[in-house]
Amino acid sequence: MLTKDELPACPVATTVQLIGSKWKLLIIRDLLSGPRRFGELLKSLDGISQKVLTDSLRSMESDGIITRTVYPEIPPKVEYSLSELGTTLEPILDSMKEWGENYKNMMK
């Protein structure tokens, strides 16, 4: 997790730094409906590589946006879910969805 001194002074820039990549936003979108396993995320994110998904998940876990739960089973089961902090991003994604829908309707 970054310290306050490592974050941009601008709050918008901070948000963009933490969730601004295409893949991070889509991962959050998928996790808003509940926990997902790695393979489920990989299938739902058309075009993402395993490396990019792994890196994005690790980064968001480090930033406190998602949690990674390992179940002591054989084979091991790992689930990713939004943390309490991560769930506070829902209104942002809802606004982005609404804006995108409005934009599509204007372009018809």
PDB file of N, CA and C in Angstrom:
ATOM      1  N   MET A   1       0.851  -1.176   0.000  1.00  0.00           N
ATOM      2  CA  MET A   1       0.000   0.000   0.000  1.00  0.00           C
ATOM      3  C   MET A   1       0.891   1.232   0.000  1.00  0.00           C
ATOM      4  N   LEU A   2       0.513   2.196  -0.809  1.00  0.00           N
ATOM      5  CA  LEU A   2       1.281   3.432  -0.903  1.00  0.00           C
ATOM      6  C   LEU A   2       1.054   4.304   0.327  1.00  0.00           C
ATOM      7  N   THR A   3       2.067   5.071   0.671  1.00  0.00           N
ATOM      8  CA  THR A   3       1.918   6.026   1.762  1.00  0.00           C
ATOM      9  C   THR A   3       1.309   7.308   1.200  1.00  0.00           C
ATOM     10  N   LYS A   4       0.825   8.154   2.094  1.00  0.00           N
ATOM     11  CA  LYS A   4       0.241   9.429   1.655  1.00  0.00           C
ATOM     12  C   LYS A   4       1.244  10.252   0.852  1.00  0.00           C
ATOM     13  N   ASP A   5       2.513  10.205   1.240  1.00  0.00           N
ATOM     14  CA  ASP A   5       3.539  10.974   0.531  1.00  0.00           C
ATOM     15  C   ASP A   5       3.781  10.462  -0.883  1.00  0.00           C
ATOM     16  N   GLU A   6       3.473   9.185  -1.129  1.00  0.00           N
ATOM     17  CA  GLU A   6       3.692   8.601  -2.451  1.00  0.00           C
ATOM     18  C   GLU A   6       2.513   8.833  -3.396  1.00  0.00           C
ATOM     19  N   LEU A   7       1.381   9.261  -2.852  1.00  0.00           N
ATOM     20  CA  LEU A   7       0.191   9.487  -3.666  1.00  0.00           C
ATOM     21  C   LEU A   7       0.200  10.895  -4.262  1.00  0.00           C
ATOM     22  N   PRO A   8      -0.406  11.071  -5.429  1.00  0.00           N
ATOM     23  CA  PRO A   8      -0.493  12.415  -6.018  1.00  0.00           C
ATOM     24  C   PRO A   8      -1.277  13.359  -5.118  1.00  0.00           C
ATOM     25  N   ALA A   9      -0.985  14.635  -5.213  1.00  0.00           N
ATOM     26  CA  ALA A   9      -1.699  15.635  -4.408  1.00  0.00           C
ATOM     27  C   ALA A   9      -3.161  15.744  -4.833  1.00  0.00           C
ATOM     28  N   CYS A  10      -3.415  15.567  -6.105  1.00  0.00           N
ATOM     29  CA  CYS A  10      -4.775  15.682  -6.642  1.00  0.00           C
ATOM     30  C   CYS A  10      -5.562  14.399  -6.352  1.00  0.00           C
ATOM     31  N   PRO A  11      -6.752  14.504  -5.732  1.00  0.00           N
ATOM     32  CA  PRO A  11      -7.547  13.316  -5.429  1.00  0.00           C
ATOM     33  C   PRO A  11      -7.990  12.535  -6.668  1.00  0.00           C
ATOM     34  N   VAL A  12      -8.246  13.247  -7.763  1.00  0.00           N
ATOM     35  CA  VAL A  12      -8.631  12.554  -9.000  1.00  0.00           C
ATOM     36  C   VAL A  12      -7.445  11.732  -9.515  1.00  0.00           C
ATOM     37  N   ALA A  13      -6.262  12.299  -9.462  1.00  0.00           N
ATOM     38  CA  ALA A  13      -5.060  11.580  -9.891  1.00  0.00           C
ATOM     39  C   ALA A  13      -4.809  10.357  -8.998  1.00  0.00           C
ATOM     40  N   THR A  14      -5.102  10.480  -7.724  1.00  0.00           N
ATOM     41  CA  THR A  14      -4.959   9.343  -6.811  1.00  0.00           C
ATOM     42  C   THR A  14      -5.885   8.211  -7.231  1.00  0.00           C
ATOM     43  N   THR A  15      -7.138   8.541  -7.515  1.00  0.00           N
ATOM     44  CA  THR A  15      -8.109   7.525  -7.935  1.00  0.00           C
ATOM     45  C   THR A  15      -7.664   6.869  -9.232  1.00  0.00           C
ATOM     46  N   VAL A  16      -7.226   7.676 -10.179  1.00  0.00           N
ATOM     47  CA  VAL A  16      -6.772   7.143 -11.461  1.00  0.00           C
ATOM     48  C   VAL A  16      -5.556   6.231 -11.254  1.00  0.00           C
ATOM     49  N   GLN A  17      -4.660   6.615 -10.381  1.00  0.00           N
ATOM     50  CA  GLN A  17      -3.478   5.798 -10.121  1.00  0.00           C
ATOM     51  C   GLN A  17      -3.875   4.427  -9.554  1.00  0.00           C
ATOM     52  N   LEU A  18      -4.881   4.408  -8.683  1.00  0.00           N
ATOM     53  CA  LEU A  18      -5.266   3.160  -8.023  1.00  0.00           C
ATOM     54  C   LEU A  18      -6.151   2.262  -8.877  1.00  0.00           C
ATOM     55  N   ILE A  19      -7.073   2.837  -9.659  1.00  0.00           N
ATOM     56  CA  ILE A  19      -8.025   2.006 -10.401  1.00  0.00           C
ATOM     57  C   ILE A  19      -8.143   2.396 -11.866  1.00  0.00           C
ATOM     58  N   GLY A  20      -7.229   3.214 -12.356  1.00  0.00           N
ATOM     59  CA  GLY A  20      -7.392   3.802 -13.675  1.00  0.00           C
ATOM     60  C   GLY A  20      -7.130   2.916 -14.866  1.00  0.00           C
ATOM     61  N   SER A  21      -6.603   1.726 -14.663  1.00  0.00           N
ATOM     62  CA  SER A  21      -6.370   0.893 -15.843  1.00  0.00           C
ATOM     63  C   SER A  21      -7.663   0.221 -16.279  1.00  0.00           C
ATOM     64  N   LYS A  22      -7.748  -0.053 -17.562  1.00  0.00           N
ATOM     65  CA  LYS A  22      -8.922  -0.729 -18.126  1.00  0.00           C
ATOM     66  C   LYS A  22      -9.208  -2.014 -17.359  1.00  0.00           C
ATOM     67  N   TRP A  23      -8.181  -2.797 -17.121  1.00  0.00           N
ATOM     68  CA  TRP A  23      -8.400  -4.109 -16.511  1.00  0.00           C
ATOM     69  C   TRP A  23      -8.821  -4.005 -15.057  1.00  0.00           C
ATOM     70  N   LYS A  24      -8.234  -3.092 -14.309  1.00  0.00           N
ATOM     71  CA  LYS A  24      -8.622  -2.947 -12.899  1.00  0.00           C
ATOM     72  C   LYS A  24     -10.090  -2.568 -12.783  1.00  0.00           C
ATOM     73  N   LEU A  25     -10.543  -1.655 -13.625  1.00  0.00           N
ATOM     74  CA  LEU A  25     -11.951  -1.260 -13.589  1.00  0.00           C
ATOM     75  C   LEU A  25     -12.868  -2.440 -13.898  1.00  0.00           C
ATOM     76  N   LEU A  26     -12.483  -3.252 -14.871  1.00  0.00           N
ATOM     77  CA  LEU A  26     -13.317  -4.391 -15.240  1.00  0.00           C
ATOM     78  C   LEU A  26     -13.269  -5.498 -14.182  1.00  0.00           C
ATOM     79  N   ILE A  27     -12.133  -5.653 -13.519  1.00  0.00           N
ATOM     80  CA  ILE A  27     -12.041  -6.611 -12.407  1.00  0.00           C
ATOM     81  C   ILE A  27     -12.968  -6.170 -11.281  1.00  0.00           C
ATOM     82  N   ILE A  28     -12.934  -4.893 -10.943  1.00  0.00           N
ATOM     83  CA  ILE A  28     -13.813  -4.368  -9.896  1.00  0.00           C
ATOM     84  C   ILE A  28     -15.268  -4.571 -10.292  1.00  0.00           C
ATOM     85  N   ARG A  29     -15.603  -4.278 -11.550  1.00  0.00           N
ATOM     86  CA  ARG A  29     -16.967  -4.498 -12.048  1.00  0.00           C
ATOM     87  C   ARG A  29     -17.406  -5.935 -11.787  1.00  0.00           C
ATOM     88  N   ASP A  30     -16.548  -6.887 -12.125  1.00  0.00           N
ATOM     89  CA  ASP A  30     -16.896  -8.295 -11.934  1.00  0.00           C
ATOM     90  C   ASP A  30     -17.022  -8.660 -10.457  1.00  0.00           C
ATOM     91  N   LEU A  31     -16.159  -8.109  -9.622  1.00  0.00           N
ATOM     92  CA  LEU A  31     -16.183  -8.454  -8.196  1.00  0.00           C
ATOM     93  C   LEU A  31     -17.323  -7.775  -7.439  1.00  0.00           C
ATOM     94  N   LEU A  32     -17.951  -6.760  -8.041  1.00  0.00           N
ATOM     95  CA  LEU A  32     -19.099  -6.125  -7.392  1.00  0.00           C
ATOM     96  C   LEU A  32     -20.261  -7.114  -7.217  1.00  0.00           C
ATOM     97  N   SER A  33     -20.314  -8.131  -8.066  1.00  0.00           N
ATOM     98  CA  SER A  33     -21.399  -9.119  -7.948  1.00  0.00           C
ATOM     99  C   SER A  33     -21.034 -10.277  -7.030  1.00  0.00           C
ATOM    100  N   GLY A  34     -19.828 -10.272  -6.487  1.00  0.00           N
ATOM    101  CA  GLY A  34     -19.446 -11.308  -5.529  1.00  0.00           C
ATOM    102  C   GLY A  34     -18.062 -11.870  -5.813  1.00  0.00           C
ATOM    103  N   PRO A  35     -17.578 -12.734  -4.911  1.00  0.00           N
ATOM    104  CA  PRO A  35     -16.243 -13.314  -5.057  1.00  0.00           C
ATOM    105  C   PRO A  35     -16.107 -14.109  -6.348  1.00  0.00           C
ATOM    106  N   ARG A  36     -14.893 -14.103  -6.882  1.00  0.00           N
ATOM    107  CA  ARG A  36     -14.594 -14.840  -8.108  1.00  0.00           C
ATOM    108  C   ARG A  36     -13.248 -15.556  -7.944  1.00  0.00           C
ATOM    109  N   ARG A  37     -13.137 -16.681  -8.613  1.00  0.00           N
ATOM    110  CA  ARG A  37     -11.867 -17.378  -8.676  1.00  0.00           C
ATOM    111  C   ARG A  37     -11.080 -16.827  -9.859  1.00  0.00           C
ATOM    112  N   PHE A  38      -9.786 -17.082  -9.858  1.00  0.00           N
ATOM    113  CA  PHE A  38      -8.899 -16.560 -10.900  1.00  0.00           C
ATOM    114  C   PHE A  38      -9.396 -16.953 -12.290  1.00  0.00           C
ATOM    115  N   GLY A  39      -9.719 -18.215 -12.470  1.00  0.00           N
ATOM    116  CA  GLY A  39     -10.169 -18.694 -13.776  1.00  0.00           C
ATOM    117  C   GLY A  39     -11.455 -18.032 -14.235  1.00  0.00           C
ATOM    118  N   GLU A  40     -12.348 -17.752 -13.301  1.00  0.00           N
ATOM    119  CA  GLU A  40     -13.606 -17.069 -13.643  1.00  0.00           C
ATOM    120  C   GLU A  40     -13.321 -15.656 -14.142  1.00  0.00           C
ATOM    121  N   LEU A  41     -12.405 -14.970 -13.462  1.00  0.00           N
ATOM    122  CA  LEU A  41     -12.039 -13.622 -13.888  1.00  0.00           C
ATOM    123  C   LEU A  41     -11.369 -13.658 -15.260  1.00  0.00           C
ATOM    124  N   LEU A  42     -10.482 -14.618 -15.455  1.00  0.00           N
ATOM    125  CA  LEU A  42      -9.781 -14.733 -16.723  1.00  0.00           C
ATOM    126  C   LEU A  42     -10.759 -14.940 -17.878  1.00  0.00           C
ATOM    127  N   LYS A  43     -11.769 -15.763 -17.666  1.00  0.00           N
ATOM    128  CA  LYS A  43     -12.762 -16.020 -18.717  1.00  0.00           C
ATOM    129  C   LYS A  43     -13.646 -14.804 -18.985  1.00  0.00           C
ATOM    130  N   SER A  44     -13.972 -14.049 -17.941  1.00  0.00           N
ATOM    131  CA  SER A  44     -14.894 -12.926 -18.115  1.00  0.00           C
ATOM    132  C   SER A  44     -14.222 -11.685 -18.698  1.00  0.00           C
ATOM    133  N   LEU A  45     -12.907 -11.635 -18.660  1.00  0.00           N
ATOM    134  CA  LEU A  45     -12.168 -10.464 -19.139  1.00  0.00           C
ATOM    135  C   LEU A  45     -11.501 -10.795 -20.475  1.00  0.00           C
ATOM    136  N   ASP A  46     -12.268 -10.708 -21.519  1.00  0.00           N
ATOM    137  CA  ASP A  46     -11.811 -11.069 -22.858  1.00  0.00           C
ATOM    138  C   ASP A  46     -10.588 -10.259 -23.257  1.00  0.00           C
ATOM    139  N   GLY A  47      -9.492 -10.960 -23.526  1.00  0.00           N
ATOM    140  CA  GLY A  47      -8.285 -10.288 -23.991  1.00  0.00           C
ATOM    141  C   GLY A  47      -7.216 -10.091 -22.937  1.00  0.00           C
ATOM    142  N   ILE A  48      -7.512 -10.324 -21.674  1.00  0.00           N
ATOM    143  CA  ILE A  48      -6.507 -10.131 -20.631  1.00  0.00           C
ATOM    144  C   ILE A  48      -5.605 -11.368 -20.566  1.00  0.00           C
ATOM    145  N   SER A  49      -4.330 -11.142 -20.320  1.00  0.00           N
ATOM    146  CA  SER A  49      -3.406 -12.264 -20.162  1.00  0.00           C
ATOM    147  C   SER A  49      -3.356 -12.672 -18.692  1.00  0.00           C
ATOM    148  N   GLN A  50      -2.883 -13.879 -18.442  1.00  0.00           N
ATOM    149  CA  GLN A  50      -2.752 -14.342 -17.058  1.00  0.00           C
ATOM    150  C   GLN A  50      -1.815 -13.429 -16.274  1.00  0.00           C
ATOM    151  N   LYS A  51      -0.735 -12.987 -16.912  1.00  0.00           N
ATOM    152  CA  LYS A  51       0.234 -12.124 -16.230  1.00  0.00           C
ATOM    153  C   LYS A  51      -0.390 -10.791 -15.831  1.00  0.00           C
ATOM    154  N   VAL A  52      -1.116 -10.179 -16.753  1.00  0.00           N
ATOM    155  CA  VAL A  52      -1.733  -8.877 -16.454  1.00  0.00           C
ATOM    156  C   VAL A  52      -2.789  -9.039 -15.364  1.00  0.00           C
ATOM    157  N   LEU A  53      -3.569 -10.120 -15.424  1.00  0.00           N
ATOM    158  CA  LEU A  53      -4.567 -10.358 -14.376  1.00  0.00           C
ATOM    159  C   LEU A  53      -3.879 -10.561 -13.035  1.00  0.00           C
ATOM    160  N   THR A  54      -2.844 -11.373 -13.007  1.00  0.00           N
ATOM    161  CA  THR A  54      -2.105 -11.614 -11.761  1.00  0.00           C
ATOM    162  C   THR A  54      -1.532 -10.311 -11.209  1.00  0.00           C
ATOM    163  N   ASP A  55      -0.879  -9.539 -12.067  1.00  0.00           N
ATOM    164  CA  ASP A  55      -0.285  -8.263 -11.632  1.00  0.00           C
ATOM    165  C   ASP A  55      -1.343  -7.296 -11.120  1.00  0.00           C
ATOM    166  N   SER A  56      -2.488  -7.229 -11.815  1.00  0.00           N
ATOM    167  CA  SER A  56      -3.564  -6.317 -11.407  1.00  0.00           C
ATOM    168  C   SER A  56      -4.145  -6.734 -10.060  1.00  0.00           C
ATOM    169  N   LEU A  57      -4.367  -8.025  -9.883  1.00  0.00           N
ATOM    170  CA  LEU A  57      -4.913  -8.517  -8.611  1.00  0.00           C
ATOM    171  C   LEU A  57      -3.944  -8.253  -7.460  1.00  0.00           C
ATOM    172  N   ARG A  58      -2.671  -8.501  -7.686  1.00  0.00           N
ATOM    173  CA  ARG A  58      -1.658  -8.258  -6.642  1.00  0.00           C
ATOM    174  C   ARG A  58      -1.596  -6.774  -6.273  1.00  0.00           C
ATOM    175  N   SER A  59      -1.644  -5.927  -7.293  1.00  0.00           N
ATOM    176  CA  SER A  59      -1.594  -4.487  -7.057  1.00  0.00           C
ATOM    177  C   SER A  59      -2.812  -4.022  -6.255  1.00  0.00           C
ATOM    178  N   MET A  60      -3.998  -4.487  -6.650  1.00  0.00           N
ATOM    179  CA  MET A  60      -5.211  -4.063  -5.936  1.00  0.00           C
ATOM    180  C   MET A  60      -5.272  -4.647  -4.536  1.00  0.00           C
ATOM    181  N   GLU A  61      -4.709  -5.839  -4.337  1.00  0.00           N
ATOM    182  CA  GLU A  61      -4.638  -6.406  -2.986  1.00  0.00           C
ATOM    183  C   GLU A  61      -3.693  -5.567  -2.127  1.00  0.00           C
ATOM    184  N   SER A  62      -2.551  -5.200  -2.695  1.00  0.00           N
ATOM    185  CA  SER A  62      -1.583  -4.370  -1.982  1.00  0.00           C
ATOM    186  C   SER A  62      -2.171  -3.011  -1.612  1.00  0.00           C
ATOM    187  N   ASP A  63      -3.033  -2.473  -2.485  1.00  0.00           N
ATOM    188  CA  ASP A  63      -3.654  -1.168  -2.237  1.00  0.00           C
ATOM    189  C   ASP A  63      -4.885  -1.265  -1.331  1.00  0.00           C
ATOM    190  N   GLY A  64      -5.264  -2.480  -0.939  1.00  0.00           N
ATOM    191  CA  GLY A  64      -6.394  -2.651  -0.031  1.00  0.00           C
ATOM    192  C   GLY A  64      -7.756  -2.649  -0.693  1.00  0.00           C
ATOM    193  N   ILE A  65      -7.795  -2.783  -2.023  1.00  0.00           N
ATOM    194  CA  ILE A  65      -9.058  -2.720  -2.748  1.00  0.00           C
ATOM    195  C   ILE A  65      -9.736  -4.090  -2.823  1.00  0.00           C
ATOM    196  N   ILE A  66      -8.925  -5.134  -2.907  1.00  0.00           N
ATOM    197  CA  ILE A  66      -9.491  -6.485  -2.927  1.00  0.00           C
ATOM    198  C   ILE A  66      -8.852  -7.336  -1.837  1.00  0.00           C
ATOM    199  N   THR A  67      -9.521  -8.434  -1.527  1.00  0.00           N
ATOM    200  CA  THR A  67      -8.955  -9.414  -0.597  1.00  0.00           C
ATOM    201  C   THR A  67      -8.810 -10.734  -1.338  1.00  0.00           C
ATOM    202  N   ARG A  68      -7.796 -11.460  -0.963  1.00  0.00           N
ATOM    203  CA  ARG A  68      -7.509 -12.774  -1.542  1.00  0.00           C
ATOM    204  C   ARG A  68      -7.672 -13.790  -0.421  1.00  0.00           C
ATOM    205  N   THR A  69      -8.569 -14.738  -0.620  1.00  0.00           N
ATOM    206  CA  THR A  69      -8.828 -15.758   0.387  1.00  0.00           C
ATOM    207  C   THR A  69      -8.390 -17.107  -0.150  1.00  0.00           C
ATOM    208  N   VAL A  70      -7.497 -17.768   0.592  1.00  0.00           N
ATOM    209  CA  VAL A  70      -7.016 -19.097   0.216  1.00  0.00           C
ATOM    210  C   VAL A  70      -7.691 -20.105   1.131  1.00  0.00           C
ATOM    211  N   TYR A  71      -8.371 -21.075   0.519  1.00  0.00           N
ATOM    212  CA  TYR A  71      -9.043 -22.125   1.281  1.00  0.00           C
ATOM    213  C   TYR A  71      -8.127 -23.343   1.360  1.00  0.00           C
ATOM    214  N   PRO A  72      -7.991 -23.927   2.560  1.00  0.00           N
ATOM    215  CA  PRO A  72      -7.077 -25.073   2.728  1.00  0.00           C
ATOM    216  C   PRO A  72      -7.680 -26.367   2.170  1.00  0.00           C
ATOM    217  N   GLU A  73      -7.697 -26.458   0.870  1.00  0.00           N
ATOM    218  CA  GLU A  73      -8.230 -27.625   0.183  1.00  0.00           C
ATOM    219  C   GLU A  73      -7.176 -28.147  -0.780  1.00  0.00           C
ATOM    220  N   ILE A  74      -7.407 -29.339  -1.271  1.00  0.00           N
ATOM    221  CA  ILE A  74      -6.547 -29.885  -2.306  1.00  0.00           C
ATOM    222  C   ILE A  74      -7.436 -30.233  -3.486  1.00  0.00           C
ATOM    223  N   PRO A  75      -7.255 -29.626  -4.650  1.00  0.00           N
ATOM    224  CA  PRO A  75      -6.284 -28.564  -4.922  1.00  0.00           C
ATOM    225  C   PRO A  75      -6.680 -27.265  -4.232  1.00  0.00           C
ATOM    226  N   PRO A  76      -5.708 -26.386  -4.008  1.00  0.00           N
ATOM    227  CA  PRO A  76      -6.002 -25.126  -3.317  1.00  0.00           C
ATOM    228  C   PRO A  76      -7.076 -24.312  -4.045  1.00  0.00           C
ATOM    229  N   LYS A  77      -7.936 -23.685  -3.273  1.00  0.00           N
ATOM    230  CA  LYS A  77      -8.980 -22.821  -3.827  1.00  0.00           C
ATOM    231  C   LYS A  77      -8.693 -21.397  -3.367  1.00  0.00           C
ATOM    232  N   VAL A  78      -8.663 -20.479  -4.326  1.00  0.00           N
ATOM    233  CA  VAL A  78      -8.401 -19.068  -4.022  1.00  0.00           C
ATOM    234  C   VAL A  78      -9.540 -18.251  -4.601  1.00  0.00           C
ATOM    235  N   GLU A  79     -10.071 -17.352  -3.787  1.00  0.00           N
ATOM    236  CA  GLU A  79     -11.122 -16.448  -4.252  1.00  0.00           C
ATOM    237  C   GLU A  79     -10.691 -15.004  -4.023  1.00  0.00           C
ATOM    238  N   TYR A  80     -11.126 -14.158  -4.940  1.00  0.00           N
ATOM    239  CA  TYR A  80     -10.879 -12.726  -4.847  1.00  0.00           C
ATOM    240  C   TYR A  80     -12.208 -12.027  -4.632  1.00  0.00           C
ATOM    241  N   SER A  81     -12.218 -11.043  -3.759  1.00  0.00           N
ATOM    242  CA  SER A  81     -13.428 -10.271  -3.511  1.00  0.00           C
ATOM    243  C   SER A  81     -13.026  -8.840  -3.199  1.00  0.00           C
ATOM    244  N   LEU A  82     -14.006  -7.957  -3.284  1.00  0.00           N
ATOM    245  CA  LEU A  82     -13.737  -6.571  -2.923  1.00  0.00           C
ATOM    246  C   LEU A  82     -13.631  -6.457  -1.410  1.00  0.00           C
ATOM    247  N   SER A  83     -12.697  -5.670  -0.959  1.00  0.00           N
ATOM    248  CA  SER A  83     -12.586  -5.367   0.466  1.00  0.00           C
ATOM    249  C   SER A  83     -13.669  -4.356   0.827  1.00  0.00           C
ATOM    250  N   GLU A  84     -13.750  -4.034   2.085  1.00  0.00           N
ATOM    251  CA  GLU A  84     -14.703  -2.995   2.503  1.00  0.00           C
ATOM    252  C   GLU A  84     -14.403  -1.683   1.768  1.00  0.00           C
ATOM    253  N   LEU A  85     -13.127  -1.364   1.654  1.00  0.00           N
ATOM    254  CA  LEU A  85     -12.721  -0.168   0.906  1.00  0.00           C
ATOM    255  C   LEU A  85     -13.098  -0.300  -0.568  1.00  0.00           C
ATOM    256  N   GLY A  86     -12.883  -1.480  -1.140  1.00  0.00           N
ATOM    257  CA  GLY A  86     -13.197  -1.703  -2.548  1.00  0.00           C
ATOM    258  C   GLY A  86     -14.665  -1.523  -2.868  1.00  0.00           C
ATOM    259  N   THR A  87     -15.533  -1.912  -1.943  1.00  0.00           N
ATOM    260  CA  THR A  87     -16.972  -1.771  -2.204  1.00  0.00           C
ATOM    261  C   THR A  87     -17.389  -0.306  -2.273  1.00  0.00           C
ATOM    262  N   THR A  88     -16.595   0.594  -1.710  1.00  0.00           N
ATOM    263  CA  THR A  88     -16.929   2.020  -1.785  1.00  0.00           C
ATOM    264  C   THR A  88     -16.742   2.568  -3.202  1.00  0.00           C
ATOM    265  N   LEU A  89     -16.171   1.768  -4.093  1.00  0.00           N
ATOM    266  CA  LEU A  89     -16.001   2.180  -5.489  1.00  0.00           C
ATOM    267  C   LEU A  89     -17.258   1.963  -6.323  1.00  0.00           C
ATOM    268  N   GLU A  90     -18.250   1.283  -5.775  1.00  0.00           N
ATOM    269  CA  GLU A  90     -19.456   0.972  -6.538  1.00  0.00           C
ATOM    270  C   GLU A  90     -20.134   2.209  -7.129  1.00  0.00           C
ATOM    271  N   PRO A  91     -20.314   3.289  -6.369  1.00  0.00           N
ATOM    272  CA  PRO A  91     -20.954   4.471  -6.973  1.00  0.00           C
ATOM    273  C   PRO A  91     -20.159   5.043  -8.155  1.00  0.00           C
ATOM    274  N   ILE A  92     -18.847   4.923  -8.118  1.00  0.00           N
ATOM    275  CA  ILE A  92     -18.025   5.416  -9.223  1.00  0.00           C
ATOM    276  C   ILE A  92     -18.304   4.589 -10.476  1.00  0.00           C
ATOM    277  N   LEU A  93     -18.327   3.273 -10.328  1.00  0.00           N
ATOM    278  CA  LEU A  93     -18.605   2.420 -11.485  1.00  0.00           C
ATOM    279  C   LEU A  93     -20.040   2.573 -11.956  1.00  0.00           C
ATOM    280  N   ASP A  94     -20.979   2.774 -11.037  1.00  0.00           N
ATOM    281  CA  ASP A  94     -22.371   3.017 -11.432  1.00  0.00           C
ATOM    282  C   ASP A  94     -22.467   4.286 -12.278  1.00  0.00           C
ATOM    283  N   SER A  95     -21.757   5.333 -11.865  1.00  0.00           N
ATOM    284  CA  SER A  95     -21.763   6.587 -12.628  1.00  0.00           C
ATOM    285  C   SER A  95     -21.128   6.396 -14.000  1.00  0.00           C
ATOM    286  N   MET A  96     -20.053   5.613 -14.063  1.00  0.00           N
ATOM    287  CA  MET A  96     -19.407   5.345 -15.344  1.00  0.00           C
ATOM    288  C   MET A  96     -20.341   4.556 -16.257  1.00  0.00           C
ATOM    289  N   LYS A  97     -21.067   3.606 -15.698  1.00  0.00           N
ATOM    290  CA  LYS A  97     -22.021   2.819 -16.484  1.00  0.00           C
ATOM    291  C   LYS A  97     -23.124   3.716 -17.043  1.00  0.00           C
ATOM    292  N   GLU A  98     -23.663   4.571 -16.179  1.00  0.00           N
ATOM    293  CA  GLU A  98     -24.733   5.477 -16.600  1.00  0.00           C
ATOM    294  C   GLU A  98     -24.236   6.424 -17.692  1.00  0.00           C
ATOM    295  N   TRP A  99     -23.049   6.971 -17.516  1.00  0.00           N
ATOM    296  CA  TRP A  99     -22.496   7.874 -18.509  1.00  0.00           C
ATOM    297  C   TRP A  99     -22.303   7.147 -19.840  1.00  0.00           C
ATOM    298  N   GLY A 100     -21.769   5.933 -19.778  1.00  0.00           N
ATOM    299  CA  GLY A 100     -21.549   5.151 -20.991  1.00  0.00           C
ATOM    300  C   GLY A 100     -22.846   4.834 -21.719  1.00  0.00           C
ATOM    301  N   GLU A 101     -23.883   4.507 -20.961  1.00  0.00           N
ATOM    302  CA  GLU A 101     -25.193   4.243 -21.569  1.00  0.00           C
ATOM    303  C   GLU A 101     -25.748   5.503 -22.223  1.00  0.00           C
ATOM    304  N   ASN A 102     -25.642   6.633 -21.531  1.00  0.00           N
ATOM    305  CA  ASN A 102     -26.117   7.908 -22.093  1.00  0.00           C
ATOM    306  C   ASN A 102     -25.345   8.269 -23.356  1.00  0.00           C
ATOM    307  N   TYR A 103     -24.059   8.052 -23.343  1.00  0.00           N
ATOM    308  CA  TYR A 103     -23.236   8.358 -24.512  1.00  0.00           C
ATOM    309  C   TYR A 103     -23.667   7.504 -25.698  1.00  0.00           C
ATOM    310  N   LYS A 104     -23.852   6.207 -25.461  1.00  0.00           N
ATOM    311  CA  LYS A 104     -24.290   5.311 -26.548  1.00  0.00           C
ATOM    312  C   LYS A 104     -25.627   5.757 -27.107  1.00  0.00           C
ATOM    313  N   ASN A 105     -26.555   6.172 -26.241  1.00  0.00           N
ATOM    314  CA  ASN A 105     -27.874   6.617 -26.698  1.00  0.00           C
ATOM    315  C   ASN A 105     -27.792   7.910 -27.504  1.00  0.00           C
ATOM    316  N   MET A 106     -26.873   8.797 -27.146  1.00  0.00           N
ATOM    317  CA  MET A 106     -26.710  10.049 -27.884  1.00  0.00           C
ATOM    318  C   MET A 106     -26.125   9.816 -29.266  1.00  0.00           C
ATOM    319  N   MET A 107     -25.370   8.754 -29.428  1.00  0.00           N
ATOM    320  CA  MET A 107     -24.662   8.501 -30.679  1.00  0.00           C
ATOM    321  C   MET A 107     -25.506   7.749 -31.688  1.00  0.00           C
ATOM    322  N   LYS A 108     -26.722   7.389 -31.346  1.00  0.00           N
ATOM    323  CA  LYS A 108     -27.586   6.637 -32.277  1.00  0.00           C
ATOM    324  C   LYS A 108     -28.069   7.501 -33.414  1.00  0.00           C
TER     325      LYS A 108
END
